[in-house]
Amino acid sequence: MTDELRRQLVGIYGPRLHGGYLFSSYARDDQDDESDLDILIVPNTIPAYGAETDRTSTLIARLSLEYGVSISRVFMSQEDWQHGASAFLHNVRRDAIHMLSQPIAVLAES
């Protein structure tokens, strides 16, 4: 599922996508049947948070239904991801698994 999620996010965001990270229980490999899949989506900028939610809603709903897991997403600008200092960011950075291990141009071609 994460491969498909990664490819689809690249398709949605293209060069605006700075990163995508899996975090929390799935990243630590301690998920259970009640766990949701937590992802952090990092576009270069976020002009309107609600627009990012709308932009990814169909994809997230389809994958959640197809794989039987609730997918929770958080959006954060590249600037905030790189320089933010909140407790949330500290925890995400500790667990995060980068889902975009290849350059975006390569992923867009796959």
PDB file of N, CA and C in Angstrom:
ATOM      1  N   MET A   1       0.812  -1.186   0.000  1.00  0.00           N
ATOM      2  CA  MET A   1       0.000   0.000   0.000  1.00  0.00           C
ATOM      3  C   MET A   1       0.864   1.262   0.000  1.00  0.00           C
ATOM      4  N   THR A   2       1.961   1.267   0.731  1.00  0.00           N
ATOM      5  CA  THR A   2       2.776   2.483   0.795  1.00  0.00           C
ATOM      6  C   THR A   2       3.396   2.809  -0.563  1.00  0.00           C
ATOM      7  N   ASP A   3       3.707   1.786  -1.373  1.00  0.00           N
ATOM      8  CA  ASP A   3       4.230   2.065  -2.720  1.00  0.00           C
ATOM      9  C   ASP A   3       3.183   2.790  -3.559  1.00  0.00           C
ATOM     10  N   GLU A   4       1.948   2.311  -3.500  1.00  0.00           N
ATOM     11  CA  GLU A   4       0.881   2.968  -4.255  1.00  0.00           C
ATOM     12  C   GLU A   4       0.627   4.374  -3.723  1.00  0.00           C
ATOM     13  N   LEU A   5       0.604   4.515  -2.424  1.00  0.00           N
ATOM     14  CA  LEU A   5       0.405   5.824  -1.804  1.00  0.00           C
ATOM     15  C   LEU A   5       1.485   6.792  -2.265  1.00  0.00           C
ATOM     16  N   ARG A   6       2.710   6.336  -2.245  1.00  0.00           N
ATOM     17  CA  ARG A   6       3.838   7.173  -2.678  1.00  0.00           C
ATOM     18  C   ARG A   6       3.676   7.597  -4.134  1.00  0.00           C
ATOM     19  N   ARG A   7       3.382   6.648  -5.016  1.00  0.00           N
ATOM     20  CA  ARG A   7       3.222   6.980  -6.443  1.00  0.00           C
ATOM     21  C   ARG A   7       2.082   7.972  -6.666  1.00  0.00           C
ATOM     22  N   GLN A   8       0.982   7.761  -5.974  1.00  0.00           N
ATOM     23  CA  GLN A   8      -0.174   8.637  -6.142  1.00  0.00           C
ATOM     24  C   GLN A   8       0.102  10.044  -5.605  1.00  0.00           C
ATOM     25  N   LEU A   9       0.803  10.137  -4.495  1.00  0.00           N
ATOM     26  CA  LEU A   9       1.148  11.464  -3.962  1.00  0.00           C
ATOM     27  C   LEU A   9       2.053  12.218  -4.931  1.00  0.00           C
ATOM     28  N   VAL A  10       2.986  11.517  -5.541  1.00  0.00           N
ATOM     29  CA  VAL A  10       3.847  12.149  -6.550  1.00  0.00           C
ATOM     30  C   VAL A  10       2.996  12.615  -7.724  1.00  0.00           C
ATOM     31  N   GLY A  11       2.012  11.802  -8.111  1.00  0.00           N
ATOM     32  CA  GLY A  11       1.120  12.203  -9.197  1.00  0.00           C
ATOM     33  C   GLY A  11       0.285  13.425  -8.852  1.00  0.00           C
ATOM     34  N   ILE A  12      -0.156  13.514  -7.615  1.00  0.00           N
ATOM     35  CA  ILE A  12      -0.978  14.649  -7.176  1.00  0.00           C
ATOM     36  C   ILE A  12      -0.145  15.915  -7.044  1.00  0.00           C
ATOM     37  N   TYR A  13       1.022  15.805  -6.430  1.00  0.00           N
ATOM     38  CA  TYR A  13       1.808  16.995  -6.096  1.00  0.00           C
ATOM     39  C   TYR A  13       2.913  17.327  -7.090  1.00  0.00           C
ATOM     40  N   GLY A  14       3.440  16.348  -7.780  1.00  0.00           N
ATOM     41  CA  GLY A  14       4.533  16.610  -8.704  1.00  0.00           C
ATOM     42  C   GLY A  14       5.705  17.274  -7.996  1.00  0.00           C
ATOM     43  N   PRO A  15       6.285  18.298  -8.610  1.00  0.00           N
ATOM     44  CA  PRO A  15       7.473  18.933  -8.024  1.00  0.00           C
ATOM     45  C   PRO A  15       7.204  19.697  -6.730  1.00  0.00           C
ATOM     46  N   ARG A  16       5.945  19.902  -6.380  1.00  0.00           N
ATOM     47  CA  ARG A  16       5.630  20.569  -5.097  1.00  0.00           C
ATOM     48  C   ARG A  16       5.916  19.661  -3.904  1.00  0.00           C
ATOM     49  N   LEU A  17       6.010  18.362  -4.146  1.00  0.00           N
ATOM     50  CA  LEU A  17       6.161  17.411  -3.044  1.00  0.00           C
ATOM     51  C   LEU A  17       7.607  17.340  -2.579  1.00  0.00           C
ATOM     52  N   HIS A  18       7.823  17.757  -1.353  1.00  0.00           N
ATOM     53  CA  HIS A  18       9.160  17.706  -0.763  1.00  0.00           C
ATOM     54  C   HIS A  18       9.396  16.378  -0.059  1.00  0.00           C
ATOM     55  N   GLY A  19       8.341  15.813   0.565  1.00  0.00           N
ATOM     56  CA  GLY A  19       8.526  14.558   1.279  1.00  0.00           C
ATOM     57  C   GLY A  19       7.215  13.932   1.694  1.00  0.00           C
ATOM     58  N   GLY A  20       7.298  12.669   2.013  1.00  0.00           N
ATOM     59  CA  GLY A  20       6.180  11.917   2.561  1.00  0.00           C
ATOM     60  C   GLY A  20       6.747  10.958   3.593  1.00  0.00           C
ATOM     61  N   TYR A  21       6.181  10.957   4.784  1.00  0.00           N
ATOM     62  CA  TYR A  21       6.751  10.189   5.881  1.00  0.00           C
ATOM     63  C   TYR A  21       5.682   9.339   6.569  1.00  0.00           C
ATOM     64  N   LEU A  22       6.018   8.122   6.816  1.00  0.00           N
ATOM     65  CA  LEU A  22       5.213   7.237   7.639  1.00  0.00           C
ATOM     66  C   LEU A  22       5.707   7.420   9.063  1.00  0.00           C
ATOM     67  N   PHE A  23       4.779   7.602  10.024  1.00  0.00           N
ATOM     68  CA  PHE A  23       5.210   7.766  11.405  1.00  0.00           C
ATOM     69  C   PHE A  23       4.244   7.067  12.340  1.00  0.00           C
ATOM     70  N   SER A  24       4.573   7.015  13.578  1.00  0.00           N
ATOM     71  CA  SER A  24       3.779   6.420  14.646  1.00  0.00           C
ATOM     72  C   SER A  24       3.899   4.894  14.622  1.00  0.00           C
ATOM     73  N   SER A  25       2.828   4.184  14.973  1.00  0.00           N
ATOM     74  CA  SER A  25       2.931   2.739  15.221  1.00  0.00           C
ATOM     75  C   SER A  25       3.419   1.945  14.009  1.00  0.00           C
ATOM     76  N   TYR A  26       2.972   2.276  12.804  1.00  0.00           N
ATOM     77  CA  TYR A  26       3.435   1.527  11.626  1.00  0.00           C
ATOM     78  C   TYR A  26       4.924   1.763  11.376  1.00  0.00           C
ATOM     79  N   ALA A  27       5.409   2.949  11.633  1.00  0.00           N
ATOM     80  CA  ALA A  27       6.833   3.231  11.453  1.00  0.00           C
ATOM     81  C   ALA A  27       7.674   2.489  12.488  1.00  0.00           C
ATOM     82  N   ARG A  28       7.131   2.311  13.684  1.00  0.00           N
ATOM     83  CA  ARG A  28       7.851   1.596  14.747  1.00  0.00           C
ATOM     84  C   ARG A  28       7.626   0.087  14.672  1.00  0.00           C
ATOM     85  N   ASP A  29       6.770  -0.351  13.755  1.00  0.00           N
ATOM     86  CA  ASP A  29       6.415  -1.757  13.588  1.00  0.00           C
ATOM     87  C   ASP A  29       5.779  -2.334  14.860  1.00  0.00           C
ATOM     88  N   ASP A  30       4.947  -1.513  15.536  1.00  0.00           N
ATOM     89  CA  ASP A  30       4.222  -2.018  16.705  1.00  0.00           C
ATOM     90  C   ASP A  30       2.711  -1.767  16.573  1.00  0.00           C
ATOM     91  N   GLN A  31       2.235  -1.723  15.313  1.00  0.00           N
ATOM     92  CA  GLN A  31       0.824  -1.526  15.063  1.00  0.00           C
ATOM     93  C   GLN A  31       0.017  -2.763  15.468  1.00  0.00           C
ATOM     94  N   ASP A  32      -1.286  -2.545  15.706  1.00  0.00           N
ATOM     95  CA  ASP A  32      -2.196  -3.658  15.954  1.00  0.00           C
ATOM     96  C   ASP A  32      -3.422  -3.474  15.055  1.00  0.00           C
ATOM     97  N   ASP A  33      -4.444  -4.300  15.248  1.00  0.00           N
ATOM     98  CA  ASP A  33      -5.629  -4.251  14.390  1.00  0.00           C
ATOM     99  C   ASP A  33      -6.388  -2.937  14.466  1.00  0.00           C
ATOM    100  N   GLU A  34      -6.202  -2.196  15.525  1.00  0.00           N
ATOM    101  CA  GLU A  34      -6.908  -0.921  15.709  1.00  0.00           C
ATOM    102  C   GLU A  34      -6.076   0.285  15.272  1.00  0.00           C
ATOM    103  N   SER A  35      -4.835   0.072  14.862  1.00  0.00           N
ATOM    104  CA  SER A  35      -3.943   1.178  14.507  1.00  0.00           C
ATOM    105  C   SER A  35      -4.334   1.804  13.177  1.00  0.00           C
ATOM    106  N   ASP A  36      -4.174   3.118  13.096  1.00  0.00           N
ATOM    107  CA  ASP A  36      -4.313   3.773  11.805  1.00  0.00           C
ATOM    108  C   ASP A  36      -2.918   4.001  11.228  1.00  0.00           C
ATOM    109  N   LEU A  37      -2.880   4.246   9.945  1.00  0.00           N
ATOM    110  CA  LEU A  37      -1.626   4.502   9.247  1.00  0.00           C
ATOM    111  C   LEU A  37      -1.440   6.014   9.219  1.00  0.00           C
ATOM    112  N   ASP A  38      -0.433   6.497   9.916  1.00  0.00           N
ATOM    113  CA  ASP A  38      -0.187   7.935  10.023  1.00  0.00           C
ATOM    114  C   ASP A  38       0.861   8.362   9.012  1.00  0.00           C
ATOM    115  N   ILE A  39       0.508   9.357   8.212  1.00  0.00           N
ATOM    116  CA  ILE A  39       1.460   9.873   7.228  1.00  0.00           C
ATOM    117  C   ILE A  39       1.554  11.389   7.342  1.00  0.00           C
ATOM    118  N   LEU A  40       2.743  11.879   7.111  1.00  0.00           N
ATOM    119  CA  LEU A  40       3.005  13.312   7.049  1.00  0.00           C
ATOM    120  C   LEU A  40       3.341  13.631   5.602  1.00  0.00           C
ATOM    121  N   ILE A  41       2.598  14.533   5.006  1.00  0.00           N
ATOM    122  CA  ILE A  41       2.810  14.947   3.627  1.00  0.00           C
ATOM    123  C   ILE A  41       3.419  16.349   3.661  1.00  0.00           C
ATOM    124  N   VAL A  42       4.568  16.491   2.981  1.00  0.00           N
ATOM    125  CA  VAL A  42       5.320  17.750   3.051  1.00  0.00           C
ATOM    126  C   VAL A  42       5.446  18.363   1.657  1.00  0.00           C
ATOM    127  N   PRO A  43       4.465  19.200   1.289  1.00  0.00           N
ATOM    128  CA  PRO A  43       4.643  19.979   0.056  1.00  0.00           C
ATOM    129  C   PRO A  43       5.552  21.175   0.345  1.00  0.00           C
ATOM    130  N   ASN A  44       6.059  21.787  -0.694  1.00  0.00           N
ATOM    131  CA  ASN A  44       6.931  22.950  -0.485  1.00  0.00           C
ATOM    132  C   ASN A  44       6.245  24.023   0.343  1.00  0.00           C
ATOM    133  N   THR A  45       5.002  24.328  -0.006  1.00  0.00           N
ATOM    134  CA  THR A  45       4.223  25.318   0.732  1.00  0.00           C
ATOM    135  C   THR A  45       2.800  24.800   0.906  1.00  0.00           C
ATOM    136  N   ILE A  46       2.089  25.387   1.850  1.00  0.00           N
ATOM    137  CA  ILE A  46       0.685  25.050   2.070  1.00  0.00           C
ATOM    138  C   ILE A  46      -0.109  26.356   2.100  1.00  0.00           C
ATOM    139  N   PRO A  47      -0.605  26.792   0.955  1.00  0.00           N
ATOM    140  CA  PRO A  47      -1.386  28.024   0.926  1.00  0.00           C
ATOM    141  C   PRO A  47      -2.693  27.911   1.719  1.00  0.00           C
ATOM    142  N   ALA A  48      -3.328  26.725   1.670  1.00  0.00           N
ATOM    143  CA  ALA A  48      -4.589  26.510   2.399  1.00  0.00           C
ATOM    144  C   ALA A  48      -4.654  25.039   2.815  1.00  0.00           C
ATOM    145  N   TYR A  49      -4.628  24.796   4.119  1.00  0.00           N
ATOM    146  CA  TYR A  49      -4.607  23.424   4.636  1.00  0.00           C
ATOM    147  C   TYR A  49      -5.799  22.621   4.123  1.00  0.00           C
ATOM    148  N   GLY A  50      -6.967  23.233   4.114  1.00  0.00           N
ATOM    149  CA  GLY A  50      -8.169  22.544   3.647  1.00  0.00           C
ATOM    150  C   GLY A  50      -8.062  22.092   2.202  1.00  0.00           C
ATOM    151  N   ALA A  51      -7.377  22.874   1.375  1.00  0.00           N
ATOM    152  CA  ALA A  51      -7.187  22.500  -0.027  1.00  0.00           C
ATOM    153  C   ALA A  51      -6.322  21.246  -0.137  1.00  0.00           C
ATOM    154  N   GLU A  52      -5.341  21.102   0.745  1.00  0.00           N
ATOM    155  CA  GLU A  52      -4.498  19.899   0.735  1.00  0.00           C
ATOM    156  C   GLU A  52      -5.323  18.684   1.136  1.00  0.00           C
ATOM    157  N   THR A  53      -6.196  18.855   2.118  1.00  0.00           N
ATOM    158  CA  THR A  53      -7.076  17.765   2.533  1.00  0.00           C
ATOM    159  C   THR A  53      -7.975  17.363   1.366  1.00  0.00           C
ATOM    160  N   ASP A  54      -8.578  18.340   0.713  1.00  0.00           N
ATOM    161  CA  ASP A  54      -9.443  18.053  -0.433  1.00  0.00           C
ATOM    162  C   ASP A  54      -8.676  17.370  -1.556  1.00  0.00           C
ATOM    163  N   ARG A  55      -7.476  17.831  -1.807  1.00  0.00           N
ATOM    164  CA  ARG A  55      -6.652  17.316  -2.906  1.00  0.00           C
ATOM    165  C   ARG A  55      -6.356  15.817  -2.743  1.00  0.00           C
ATOM    166  N   THR A  56      -6.266  15.360  -1.504  1.00  0.00           N
ATOM    167  CA  THR A  56      -5.881  13.960  -1.252  1.00  0.00           C
ATOM    168  C   THR A  56      -7.035  13.085  -0.759  1.00  0.00           C
ATOM    169  N   SER A  57      -8.214  13.642  -0.575  1.00  0.00           N
ATOM    170  CA  SER A  57      -9.327  12.890   0.033  1.00  0.00           C
ATOM    171  C   SER A  57      -9.727  11.645  -0.746  1.00  0.00           C
ATOM    172  N   THR A  58      -9.864  11.751  -2.048  1.00  0.00           N
ATOM    173  CA  THR A  58     -10.279  10.594  -2.849  1.00  0.00           C
ATOM    174  C   THR A  58      -9.256   9.469  -2.741  1.00  0.00           C
ATOM    175  N   LEU A  59      -7.990   9.799  -2.861  1.00  0.00           N
ATOM    176  CA  LEU A  59      -6.928   8.801  -2.739  1.00  0.00           C
ATOM    177  C   LEU A  59      -6.956   8.128  -1.374  1.00  0.00           C
ATOM    178  N   ILE A  60      -7.025   8.916  -0.312  1.00  0.00           N
ATOM    179  CA  ILE A  60      -6.982   8.377   1.043  1.00  0.00           C
ATOM    180  C   ILE A  60      -8.200   7.499   1.303  1.00  0.00           C
ATOM    181  N   ALA A  61      -9.368   7.941   0.879  1.00  0.00           N
ATOM    182  CA  ALA A  61     -10.584   7.146   1.069  1.00  0.00           C
ATOM    183  C   ALA A  61     -10.499   5.823   0.317  1.00  0.00           C
ATOM    184  N   ARG A  62     -10.034   5.869  -0.933  1.00  0.00           N
ATOM    185  CA  ARG A  62      -9.933   4.640  -1.731  1.00  0.00           C
ATOM    186  C   ARG A  62      -8.957   3.645  -1.112  1.00  0.00           C
ATOM    187  N   LEU A  63      -7.781   4.114  -0.714  1.00  0.00           N
ATOM    188  CA  LEU A  63      -6.795   3.216  -0.125  1.00  0.00           C
ATOM    189  C   LEU A  63      -7.260   2.683   1.227  1.00  0.00           C
ATOM    190  N   SER A  64      -7.896   3.517   2.018  1.00  0.00           N
ATOM    191  CA  SER A  64      -8.415   3.066   3.316  1.00  0.00           C
ATOM    192  C   SER A  64      -9.411   1.938   3.138  1.00  0.00           C
ATOM    193  N   LEU A  65     -10.323   2.088   2.185  1.00  0.00           N
ATOM    194  CA  LEU A  65     -11.323   1.040   1.927  1.00  0.00           C
ATOM    195  C   LEU A  65     -10.694  -0.209   1.326  1.00  0.00           C
ATOM    196  N   GLU A  66      -9.796  -0.006   0.383  1.00  0.00           N
ATOM    197  CA  GLU A  66      -9.162  -1.134  -0.307  1.00  0.00           C
ATOM    198  C   GLU A  66      -8.321  -1.998   0.640  1.00  0.00           C
ATOM    199  N   TYR A  67      -7.609  -1.368   1.571  1.00  0.00           N
ATOM    200  CA  TYR A  67      -6.699  -2.092   2.451  1.00  0.00           C
ATOM    201  C   TYR A  67      -7.244  -2.292   3.866  1.00  0.00           C
ATOM    202  N   GLY A  68      -8.421  -1.746   4.150  1.00  0.00           N
ATOM    203  CA  GLY A  68      -9.040  -1.954   5.456  1.00  0.00           C
ATOM    204  C   GLY A  68      -8.293  -1.314   6.610  1.00  0.00           C
ATOM    205  N   VAL A  69      -7.672  -0.181   6.345  1.00  0.00           N
ATOM    206  CA  VAL A  69      -6.952   0.538   7.397  1.00  0.00           C
ATOM    207  C   VAL A  69      -7.270   2.027   7.280  1.00  0.00           C
ATOM    208  N   SER A  70      -7.475   2.653   8.405  1.00  0.00           N
ATOM    209  CA  SER A  70      -7.720   4.090   8.416  1.00  0.00           C
ATOM    210  C   SER A  70      -6.389   4.817   8.208  1.00  0.00           C
ATOM    211  N   ILE A  71      -6.375   5.731   7.261  1.00  0.00           N
ATOM    212  CA  ILE A  71      -5.165   6.494   6.974  1.00  0.00           C
ATOM    213  C   ILE A  71      -5.372   7.917   7.478  1.00  0.00           C
ATOM    214  N   SER A  72      -4.511   8.332   8.385  1.00  0.00           N
ATOM    215  CA  SER A  72      -4.552   9.697   8.918  1.00  0.00           C
ATOM    216  C   SER A  72      -3.400  10.472   8.313  1.00  0.00           C
ATOM    217  N   ARG A  73      -3.695  11.663   7.831  1.00  0.00           N
ATOM    218  CA  ARG A  73      -2.635  12.451   7.213  1.00  0.00           C
ATOM    219  C   ARG A  73      -2.542  13.828   7.864  1.00  0.00           C
ATOM    220  N   VAL A  74      -1.321  14.291   7.893  1.00  0.00           N
ATOM    221  CA  VAL A  74      -1.003  15.618   8.397  1.00  0.00           C
ATOM    222  C   VAL A  74      -0.180  16.286   7.310  1.00  0.00           C
ATOM    223  N   PHE A  75      -0.419  17.568   7.097  1.00  0.00           N
ATOM    224  CA  PHE A  75       0.325  18.336   6.101  1.00  0.00           C
ATOM    225  C   PHE A  75       1.204  19.347   6.810  1.00  0.00           C
ATOM    226  N   MET A  76       2.414  19.498   6.298  1.00  0.00           N
ATOM    227  CA  MET A  76       3.335  20.465   6.876  1.00  0.00           C
ATOM    228  C   MET A  76       4.223  20.999   5.755  1.00  0.00           C
ATOM    229  N   SER A  77       4.436  22.284   5.736  1.00  0.00           N
ATOM    230  CA  SER A  77       5.292  22.875   4.700  1.00  0.00           C
ATOM    231  C   SER A  77       6.737  22.408   4.884  1.00  0.00           C
ATOM    232  N   GLN A  78       7.477  22.500   3.811  1.00  0.00           N
ATOM    233  CA  GLN A  78       8.894  22.134   3.858  1.00  0.00           C
ATOM    234  C   GLN A  78       9.631  22.943   4.919  1.00  0.00           C
ATOM    235  N   GLU A  79       9.348  24.237   4.999  1.00  0.00           N
ATOM    236  CA  GLU A  79       9.992  25.114   5.981  1.00  0.00           C
ATOM    237  C   GLU A  79       9.709  24.636   7.407  1.00  0.00           C
ATOM    238  N   ASP A  80       8.444  24.353   7.708  1.00  0.00           N
ATOM    239  CA  ASP A  80       8.089  23.894   9.052  1.00  0.00           C
ATOM    240  C   ASP A  80       8.705  22.535   9.361  1.00  0.00           C
ATOM    241  N   TRP A  81       8.722  21.631   8.384  1.00  0.00           N
ATOM    242  CA  TRP A  81       9.315  20.311   8.597  1.00  0.00           C
ATOM    243  C   TRP A  81      10.803  20.431   8.914  1.00  0.00           C
ATOM    244  N   GLN A  82      11.483  21.297   8.202  1.00  0.00           N
ATOM    245  CA  GLN A  82      12.920  21.428   8.383  1.00  0.00           C
ATOM    246  C   GLN A  82      13.307  22.217   9.632  1.00  0.00           C
ATOM    247  N   HIS A  83      12.473  23.192  10.021  1.00  0.00           N
ATOM    248  CA  HIS A  83      12.898  24.094  11.081  1.00  0.00           C
ATOM    249  C   HIS A  83      11.974  24.149  12.288  1.00  0.00           C
ATOM    250  N   GLY A  84      10.819  23.499  12.225  1.00  0.00           N
ATOM    251  CA  GLY A  84       9.892  23.525  13.347  1.00  0.00           C
ATOM    252  C   GLY A  84      10.468  22.807  14.566  1.00  0.00           C
ATOM    253  N   ALA A  85      10.000  23.185  15.754  1.00  0.00           N
ATOM    254  CA  ALA A  85      10.576  22.622  16.982  1.00  0.00           C
ATOM    255  C   ALA A  85       9.520  22.129  17.966  1.00  0.00           C
ATOM    256  N   SER A  86       8.342  21.768  17.466  1.00  0.00           N
ATOM    257  CA  SER A  86       7.269  21.324  18.368  1.00  0.00           C
ATOM    258  C   SER A  86       7.514  19.901  18.879  1.00  0.00           C
ATOM    259  N   ALA A  87       6.817  19.546  19.949  1.00  0.00           N
ATOM    260  CA  ALA A  87       6.891  18.176  20.476  1.00  0.00           C
ATOM    261  C   ALA A  87       6.396  17.177  19.432  1.00  0.00           C
ATOM    262  N   PHE A  88       5.349  17.546  18.697  1.00  0.00           N
ATOM    263  CA  PHE A  88       4.853  16.684  17.625  1.00  0.00           C
ATOM    264  C   PHE A  88       5.955  16.378  16.622  1.00  0.00           C
ATOM    265  N   LEU A  89       6.652  17.405  16.163  1.00  0.00           N
ATOM    266  CA  LEU A  89       7.731  17.206  15.188  1.00  0.00           C
ATOM    267  C   LEU A  89       8.868  16.372  15.764  1.00  0.00           C
ATOM    268  N   HIS A  90       9.188  16.590  17.004  1.00  0.00           N
ATOM    269  CA  HIS A  90      10.231  15.783  17.644  1.00  0.00           C
ATOM    270  C   HIS A  90       9.860  14.297  17.577  1.00  0.00           C
ATOM    271  N   ASN A  91       8.623  13.967  17.916  1.00  0.00           N
ATOM    272  CA  ASN A  91       8.174  12.577  17.889  1.00  0.00           C
ATOM    273  C   ASN A  91       8.112  12.012  16.474  1.00  0.00           C
ATOM    274  N   VAL A  92       7.613  12.802  15.536  1.00  0.00           N
ATOM    275  CA  VAL A  92       7.544  12.328  14.148  1.00  0.00           C
ATOM    276  C   VAL A  92       8.941  12.084  13.609  1.00  0.00           C
ATOM    277  N   ARG A  93       9.850  13.007  13.832  1.00  0.00           N
ATOM    278  CA  ARG A  93      11.221  12.838  13.320  1.00  0.00           C
ATOM    279  C   ARG A  93      11.896  11.613  13.920  1.00  0.00           C
ATOM    280  N   ARG A  94      11.581  11.297  15.163  1.00  0.00           N
ATOM    281  CA  ARG A  94      12.175  10.128  15.824  1.00  0.00           C
ATOM    282  C   ARG A  94      11.760   8.839  15.116  1.00  0.00           C
ATOM    283  N   ASP A  95      10.490   8.756  14.711  1.00  0.00           N
ATOM    284  CA  ASP A  95       9.945   7.525  14.129  1.00  0.00           C
ATOM    285  C   ASP A  95       9.926   7.496  12.605  1.00  0.00           C
ATOM    286  N   ALA A  96      10.005   8.634  11.965  1.00  0.00           N
ATOM    287  CA  ALA A  96       9.662   8.778  10.550  1.00  0.00           C
ATOM    288  C   ALA A  96      10.430   7.845   9.625  1.00  0.00           C
ATOM    289  N   ILE A  97       9.677   7.281   8.699  1.00  0.00           N
ATOM    290  CA  ILE A  97      10.249   6.518   7.587  1.00  0.00           C
ATOM    291  C   ILE A  97       9.911   7.294   6.324  1.00  0.00           C
ATOM    292  N   HIS A  98      10.928   7.736   5.625  1.00  0.00           N
ATOM    293  CA  HIS A  98      10.734   8.528   4.411  1.00  0.00           C
ATOM    294  C   HIS A  98      10.176   7.626   3.317  1.00  0.00           C
ATOM    295  N   MET A  99       9.012   7.950   2.789  1.00  0.00           N
ATOM    296  CA  MET A  99       8.369   7.136   1.750  1.00  0.00           C
ATOM    297  C   MET A  99       8.862   7.499   0.357  1.00  0.00           C
ATOM    298  N   LEU A 100       9.616   8.557   0.227  1.00  0.00           N
ATOM    299  CA  LEU A 100      10.085   9.010  -1.088  1.00  0.00           C
ATOM    300  C   LEU A 100      11.585   8.825  -1.189  1.00  0.00           C
ATOM    301  N   SER A 101      12.023   7.588  -1.117  1.00  0.00           N
ATOM    302  CA  SER A 101      13.461   7.319  -1.077  1.00  0.00           C
ATOM    303  C   SER A 101      14.146   7.539  -2.425  1.00  0.00           C
ATOM    304  N   GLN A 102      13.365   7.696  -3.486  1.00  0.00           N
ATOM    305  CA  GLN A 102      13.934   7.973  -4.802  1.00  0.00           C
ATOM    306  C   GLN A 102      13.587   9.405  -5.172  1.00  0.00           C
ATOM    307  N   PRO A 103      14.366  10.004  -6.081  1.00  0.00           N
ATOM    308  CA  PRO A 103      14.020  11.347  -6.535  1.00  0.00           C
ATOM    309  C   PRO A 103      12.611  11.377  -7.123  1.00  0.00           C
ATOM    310  N   ILE A 104      11.907  12.471  -6.949  1.00  0.00           N
ATOM    311  CA  ILE A 104      10.530  12.583  -7.403  1.00  0.00           C
ATOM    312  C   ILE A 104      10.401  12.352  -8.910  1.00  0.00           C
ATOM    313  N   ALA A 105      11.352  12.818  -9.699  1.00  0.00           N
ATOM    314  CA  ALA A 105      11.274  12.616 -11.156  1.00  0.00           C
ATOM    315  C   ALA A 105      11.261  11.121 -11.488  1.00  0.00           C
ATOM    316  N   VAL A 106      12.036  10.331 -10.792  1.00  0.00           N
ATOM    317  CA  VAL A 106      12.070   8.877 -11.014  1.00  0.00           C
ATOM    318  C   VAL A 106      10.746   8.261 -10.594  1.00  0.00           C
ATOM    319  N   LEU A 107      10.204   8.671  -9.455  1.00  0.00           N
ATOM    320  CA  LEU A 107       8.939   8.128  -8.984  1.00  0.00           C
ATOM    321  C   LEU A 107       7.808   8.468  -9.930  1.00  0.00           C
ATOM    322  N   ALA A 108       7.823   9.648 -10.507  1.00  0.00           N
ATOM    323  CA  ALA A 108       6.748  10.074 -11.409  1.00  0.00           C
ATOM    324  C   ALA A 108       6.732   9.227 -12.665  1.00  0.00           C
ATOM    325  N   GLU A 109       7.862   8.669 -13.044  1.00  0.00           N
ATOM    326  CA  GLU A 109       7.935   7.834 -14.237  1.00  0.00           C
ATOM    327  C   GLU A 109       7.494   6.407 -13.984  1.00  0.00           C
ATOM    328  N   SER A 110       7.442   5.963 -12.716  1.00  0.00           N
ATOM    329  CA  SER A 110       7.097   4.562 -12.427  1.00  0.00           C
ATOM    330  C   SER A 110       5.614   4.327 -12.402  1.00  0.00           C
TER     331      SER A 110
END
